[in-house]
C-alpha atoms as a PDB file:
ATOM      1  CA  UNK A   1      18.460 -19.934   0.025  1.00  0.00           C
ATOM      2  CA  UNK A   2      14.649 -19.167  -0.815  1.00  0.00           C
ATOM      3  CA  UNK A   3      14.490 -17.187   2.253  1.00  0.00           C
ATOM      4  CA  UNK A   4      17.402 -14.957   1.508  1.00  0.00           C
ATOM      5  CA  UNK A   5      16.501 -14.300  -2.114  1.00  0.00           C
ATOM      6  CA  UNK A   6      12.858 -13.614  -1.126  1.00  0.00           C
ATOM      7  CA  UNK A   7      13.525 -10.425  -0.184  1.00  0.00           C
ATOM      8  CA  UNK A   8      14.935  -9.227  -3.457  1.00  0.00           C
ATOM      9  CA  UNK A   9      12.431 -11.130  -5.499  1.00  0.00           C
ATOM     10  CA  UNK A  10       9.120  -9.973  -3.861  1.00  0.00           C
ATOM     11  CA  UNK A  11       8.058  -6.504  -2.628  1.00  0.00           C
ATOM     12  CA  UNK A  12       8.461  -6.321   1.157  1.00  0.00           C
ATOM     13  CA  UNK A  13       7.301  -2.862   1.989  1.00  0.00           C
ATOM     14  CA  UNK A  14      10.730  -1.741   2.845  1.00  0.00           C
ATOM     15  CA  UNK A  15      11.590  -4.488   5.104  1.00  0.00           C
ATOM     16  CA  UNK A  16      15.019  -6.317   4.692  1.00  0.00           C
ATOM     17  CA  UNK A  17      16.129  -9.489   6.288  1.00  0.00           C
ATOM     18  CA  UNK A  18      17.533  -9.501   9.694  1.00  0.00           C
ATOM     19  CA  UNK A  19      21.165 -10.131   8.682  1.00  0.00           C
ATOM     20  CA  UNK A  20      21.206  -7.264   6.095  1.00  0.00           C
ATOM     21  CA  UNK A  21      20.055  -4.937   9.217  1.00  0.00           C
ATOM     22  CA  UNK A  22      22.907  -6.151  11.246  1.00  0.00           C
ATOM     23  CA  UNK A  23      25.710  -6.344   8.740  1.00  0.00           C
ATOM     24  CA  UNK A  24      25.436  -3.908   5.776  1.00  0.00           C
ATOM     25  CA  UNK A  25      25.873  -5.394   2.272  1.00  0.00           C
ATOM     26  CA  UNK A  26      25.239  -8.977   3.392  1.00  0.00           C
ATOM     27  CA  UNK A  27      22.423 -11.494   3.388  1.00  0.00           C
ATOM     28  CA  UNK A  28      21.765 -14.935   4.653  1.00  0.00           C
ATOM     29  CA  UNK A  29      23.191 -16.625   1.480  1.00  0.00           C
ATOM     30  CA  UNK A  30      26.725 -15.197   2.091  1.00  0.00           C
ATOM     31  CA  UNK A  31      26.445 -16.532   5.738  1.00  0.00           C
ATOM     32  CA  UNK A  32      25.427 -20.052   4.631  1.00  0.00           C
ATOM     33  CA  UNK A  33      28.250 -19.935   2.096  1.00  0.00           C
ATOM     34  CA  UNK A  34      30.713 -18.913   4.753  1.00  0.00           C
ATOM     35  CA  UNK A  35      29.560 -21.357   7.354  1.00  0.00           C
ATOM     36  CA  UNK A  36      29.814 -24.153   4.595  1.00  0.00           C
ATOM     37  CA  UNK A  37      33.518 -23.315   3.794  1.00  0.00           C
ATOM     38  CA  UNK A  38      34.326 -23.011   7.511  1.00  0.00           C
ATOM     39  CA  UNK A  39      32.887 -26.629   8.236  1.00  0.00           C
ATOM     40  CA  UNK A  40      34.328 -27.953   5.044  1.00  0.00           C
ATOM     41  CA  UNK A  41      37.764 -26.791   6.120  1.00  0.00           C
ATOM     42  CA  UNK A  42      37.425 -28.230   9.511  1.00  0.00           C
ATOM     43  CA  UNK A  43      36.420 -31.795   8.285  1.00  0.00           C
ATOM     44  CA  UNK A  44      39.217 -31.864   5.493  1.00  0.00           C
ATOM     45  CA  UNK A  45      41.668 -30.855   8.205  1.00  0.00           C
ATOM     46  CA  UNK A  46      40.484 -33.565  10.489  1.00  0.00           C
ATOM     47  CA  UNK A  47      40.793 -35.994   7.725  1.00  0.00           C
ATOM     48  CA  UNK A  48      44.368 -34.941   6.968  1.00  0.00           C
ATOM     49  CA  UNK A  49      45.118 -35.308  10.591  1.00  0.00           C
ATOM     50  CA  UNK A  50      43.829 -38.885  10.827  1.00  0.00           C
ATOM     51  CA  UNK A  51      45.706 -40.113   8.105  1.00  0.00           C
ATOM     52  CA  UNK A  52      49.090 -41.442   8.666  1.00  0.00           C
ATOM     53  CA  UNK A  53      50.222 -40.757   5.042  1.00  0.00           C
ATOM     54  CA  UNK A  54      50.119 -37.488   2.905  1.00  0.00           C
ATOM     55  CA  UNK A  55      49.827 -39.784  -0.253  1.00  0.00           C
ATOM     56  CA  UNK A  56      47.063 -41.683   1.032  1.00  0.00           C
ATOM     57  CA  UNK A  57      45.241 -38.407   2.097  1.00  0.00           C
ATOM     58  CA  UNK A  58      45.709 -37.061  -1.521  1.00  0.00           C
ATOM     59  CA  UNK A  59      44.485 -40.157  -3.098  1.00  0.00           C
ATOM     60  CA  UNK A  60      41.257 -40.281  -0.880  1.00  0.00           C
ATOM     61  CA  UNK A  61      40.626 -36.524  -1.812  1.00  0.00           C
ATOM     62  CA  UNK A  62      40.925 -37.279  -5.500  1.00  0.00           C
ATOM     63  CA  UNK A  63      38.531 -40.290  -5.312  1.00  0.00           C
ATOM     64  CA  UNK A  64      36.239 -37.996  -3.187  1.00  0.00           C
ATOM     65  CA  UNK A  65      36.186 -35.173  -5.583  1.00  0.00           C
END
């Protein structure tokens, strides 16, 4: 997070981070959030698949949150 924001906080002499150069209108913070939600979705789906009961899964999710 600090790395991605540092390009906007400090003068960089016109340099931008590599991801912004490769993918316009994007920066590492956006990539990190996307990876977080992707992995979170995989783990929640795995948790649902391993539970025998949808009610138990919902109860466990409620206590987790």
